[in-house]
Amino acid sequence: MGEKMKTYKSHLARFLAEKGLLVYIENGECKSLSERSIATYISTVFREDRKPRNYQDKKQK
């Protein structure tokens, strides 16, 4: 992965953490996700998006 992509993902994670845009609920109270949790989630989304898709399965449905 390129250096620009790593920088982009870290900036995005920092922005989301600072603004408190991603939260989870614990005991009925909303809490912001940590920057590290957000970065992990972003990496997972990018990884899933880059997986090759099997178009044969889509045609059969």
N, C-alpha and C. Protein backbone atom coordinates (compact mmCIF):
# COMPACT_ATOMS: atom_id res chain seq x y z
N MET A 1 0.85 -1.17 0.00
CA MET A 1 0.00 0.00 0.00
C MET A 1 0.89 1.23 0.00
N GLY A 2 0.49 2.21 -0.75
CA GLY A 2 1.29 3.41 -0.87
C GLY A 2 1.28 4.27 0.39
N GLU A 3 2.29 5.09 0.49
CA GLU A 3 2.42 5.97 1.65
C GLU A 3 1.27 6.97 1.72
N LYS A 4 0.80 7.42 0.56
CA LYS A 4 -0.31 8.38 0.54
C LYS A 4 -1.58 7.75 1.13
N MET A 5 -1.82 6.48 0.82
CA MET A 5 -3.01 5.81 1.33
C MET A 5 -2.94 5.66 2.85
N LYS A 6 -1.77 5.33 3.37
CA LYS A 6 -1.61 5.21 4.82
C LYS A 6 -1.86 6.55 5.49
N THR A 7 -1.34 7.61 4.90
CA THR A 7 -1.54 8.95 5.45
C THR A 7 -3.01 9.33 5.41
N TYR A 8 -3.65 9.02 4.30
CA TYR A 8 -5.07 9.33 4.15
C TYR A 8 -5.89 8.62 5.22
N LYS A 9 -5.62 7.34 5.42
CA LYS A 9 -6.39 6.58 6.41
C LYS A 9 -6.15 7.08 7.82
N SER A 10 -4.92 7.45 8.14
CA SER A 10 -4.64 7.94 9.48
C SER A 10 -5.29 9.31 9.72
N HIS A 11 -5.29 10.16 8.69
CA HIS A 11 -5.95 11.46 8.82
C HIS A 11 -7.47 11.29 8.97
N LEU A 12 -8.02 10.37 8.22
CA LEU A 12 -9.46 10.11 8.32
C LEU A 12 -9.81 9.59 9.71
N ALA A 13 -9.02 8.66 10.22
CA ALA A 13 -9.27 8.11 11.56
C ALA A 13 -9.17 9.21 12.62
N ARG A 14 -8.16 10.05 12.51
CA ARG A 14 -7.98 11.14 13.48
C ARG A 14 -9.17 12.11 13.43
N PHE A 15 -9.59 12.47 12.23
CA PHE A 15 -10.72 13.38 12.06
C PHE A 15 -11.99 12.81 12.69
N LEU A 16 -12.28 11.56 12.38
CA LEU A 16 -13.50 10.93 12.91
C LEU A 16 -13.45 10.83 14.44
N ALA A 17 -12.27 10.53 14.98
CA ALA A 17 -12.13 10.43 16.43
C ALA A 17 -12.30 11.79 17.10
N GLU A 18 -11.69 12.82 16.52
CA GLU A 18 -11.78 14.16 17.11
C GLU A 18 -13.21 14.69 17.09
N LYS A 19 -13.94 14.40 16.03
CA LYS A 19 -15.31 14.90 15.91
C LYS A 19 -16.31 14.03 16.66
N GLY A 20 -15.88 12.83 17.05
CA GLY A 20 -16.77 11.92 17.76
C GLY A 20 -17.91 11.42 16.89
N LEU A 21 -17.62 11.19 15.62
CA LEU A 21 -18.66 10.80 14.67
C LEU A 21 -19.02 9.32 14.74
N LEU A 22 -18.11 8.50 15.21
CA LEU A 22 -18.40 7.07 15.34
C LEU A 22 -18.45 6.74 16.83
N VAL A 23 -19.57 6.18 17.25
CA VAL A 23 -19.76 5.91 18.67
C VAL A 23 -20.25 4.47 18.87
N TYR A 24 -20.16 4.03 20.09
CA TYR A 24 -20.76 2.76 20.49
C TYR A 24 -21.55 3.03 21.77
N ILE A 25 -22.48 2.15 22.06
CA ILE A 25 -23.32 2.34 23.23
C ILE A 25 -22.92 1.33 24.29
N GLU A 26 -22.64 1.84 25.47
CA GLU A 26 -22.27 0.99 26.60
C GLU A 26 -23.11 1.42 27.79
N ASN A 27 -23.90 0.51 28.32
CA ASN A 27 -24.78 0.79 29.45
C ASN A 27 -25.69 1.99 29.18
N GLY A 28 -26.20 2.07 27.96
CA GLY A 28 -27.11 3.14 27.60
C GLY A 28 -26.45 4.49 27.36
N GLU A 29 -25.13 4.52 27.34
CA GLU A 29 -24.40 5.77 27.15
C GLU A 29 -23.56 5.69 25.88
N CYS A 30 -23.62 6.74 25.06
CA CYS A 30 -22.82 6.79 23.83
C CYS A 30 -21.39 7.19 24.16
N LYS A 31 -20.45 6.43 23.63
CA LYS A 31 -19.04 6.74 23.83
C LYS A 31 -18.34 6.73 22.47
N SER A 32 -17.42 7.66 22.29
CA SER A 32 -16.68 7.75 21.03
C SER A 32 -15.71 6.59 20.91
N LEU A 33 -15.56 6.11 19.68
CA LEU A 33 -14.55 5.09 19.42
C LEU A 33 -13.17 5.74 19.46
N SER A 34 -12.17 4.96 19.83
CA SER A 34 -10.81 5.47 19.86
C SER A 34 -10.28 5.59 18.43
N GLU A 35 -9.27 6.40 18.28
CA GLU A 35 -8.66 6.59 16.95
C GLU A 35 -8.14 5.26 16.41
N ARG A 36 -7.59 4.45 17.28
CA ARG A 36 -7.05 3.15 16.86
C ARG A 36 -8.16 2.22 16.38
N SER A 37 -9.28 2.20 17.07
CA SER A 37 -10.42 1.37 16.65
C SER A 37 -10.95 1.81 15.29
N ILE A 38 -11.01 3.12 15.10
CA ILE A 38 -11.48 3.65 13.83
C ILE A 38 -10.51 3.29 12.71
N ALA A 39 -9.21 3.40 12.98
CA ALA A 39 -8.20 3.06 11.97
C ALA A 39 -8.30 1.58 11.59
N THR A 40 -8.53 0.73 12.56
CA THR A 40 -8.68 -0.70 12.28
C THR A 40 -9.91 -0.94 11.41
N TYR A 41 -11.00 -0.28 11.73
CA TYR A 41 -12.22 -0.41 10.95
C TYR A 41 -12.01 0.06 9.51
N ILE A 42 -11.35 1.19 9.35
CA ILE A 42 -11.08 1.73 8.00
C ILE A 42 -10.24 0.74 7.20
N SER A 43 -9.22 0.18 7.83
CA SER A 43 -8.36 -0.80 7.14
C SER A 43 -9.16 -2.02 6.71
N THR A 44 -10.07 -2.47 7.57
CA THR A 44 -10.91 -3.62 7.24
C THR A 44 -11.80 -3.31 6.04
N VAL A 45 -12.39 -2.14 6.03
CA VAL A 45 -13.26 -1.75 4.92
C VAL A 45 -12.47 -1.69 3.62
N PHE A 46 -11.28 -1.09 3.65
CA PHE A 46 -10.45 -1.01 2.45
C PHE A 46 -10.04 -2.41 1.98
N ARG A 47 -9.70 -3.29 2.91
CA ARG A 47 -9.28 -4.64 2.56
C ARG A 47 -10.44 -5.39 1.90
N GLU A 48 -11.64 -5.28 2.47
CA GLU A 48 -12.81 -5.94 1.90
C GLU A 48 -13.13 -5.41 0.51
N ASP A 49 -12.96 -4.11 0.34
CA ASP A 49 -13.26 -3.50 -0.95
C ASP A 49 -12.29 -3.95 -2.03
N ARG A 50 -11.08 -4.27 -1.65
CA ARG A 50 -10.06 -4.65 -2.63
C ARG A 50 -10.07 -6.15 -2.95
N LYS A 51 -10.88 -6.94 -2.25
CA LYS A 51 -10.95 -8.37 -2.52
C LYS A 51 -11.56 -8.59 -3.90
N PRO A 52 -11.03 -9.56 -4.63
CA PRO A 52 -11.64 -9.85 -5.94
C PRO A 52 -13.05 -10.42 -5.73
N ARG A 53 -13.93 -10.01 -6.57
CA ARG A 53 -15.32 -10.46 -6.45
C ARG A 53 -15.57 -11.58 -7.45
N ASN A 54 -16.36 -12.52 -7.03
CA ASN A 54 -16.71 -13.63 -7.90
C ASN A 54 -18.03 -13.29 -8.60
N TYR A 55 -17.95 -12.86 -9.83
CA TYR A 55 -19.13 -12.43 -10.56
C TYR A 55 -20.02 -13.60 -10.97
N GLN A 56 -19.51 -14.81 -10.98
CA GLN A 56 -20.33 -15.97 -11.31
C GLN A 56 -21.42 -16.16 -10.26
N ASP A 57 -21.08 -15.96 -8.99
CA ASP A 57 -22.07 -16.11 -7.92
C ASP A 57 -23.20 -15.10 -8.07
N LYS A 58 -22.89 -13.90 -8.50
CA LYS A 58 -23.91 -12.87 -8.66
C LYS A 58 -24.85 -13.21 -9.81
N LYS A 59 -24.31 -13.81 -10.88
CA LYS A 59 -25.14 -14.15 -12.04
C LYS A 59 -26.13 -15.26 -11.71
N GLN A 60 -25.75 -16.18 -10.84
CA GLN A 60 -26.60 -17.32 -10.52
C GLN A 60 -27.76 -16.94 -9.62
N LYS A 61 -27.67 -15.85 -8.89
CA LYS A 61 -28.74 -15.46 -7.95
C LYS A 61 -29.91 -14.84 -8.63
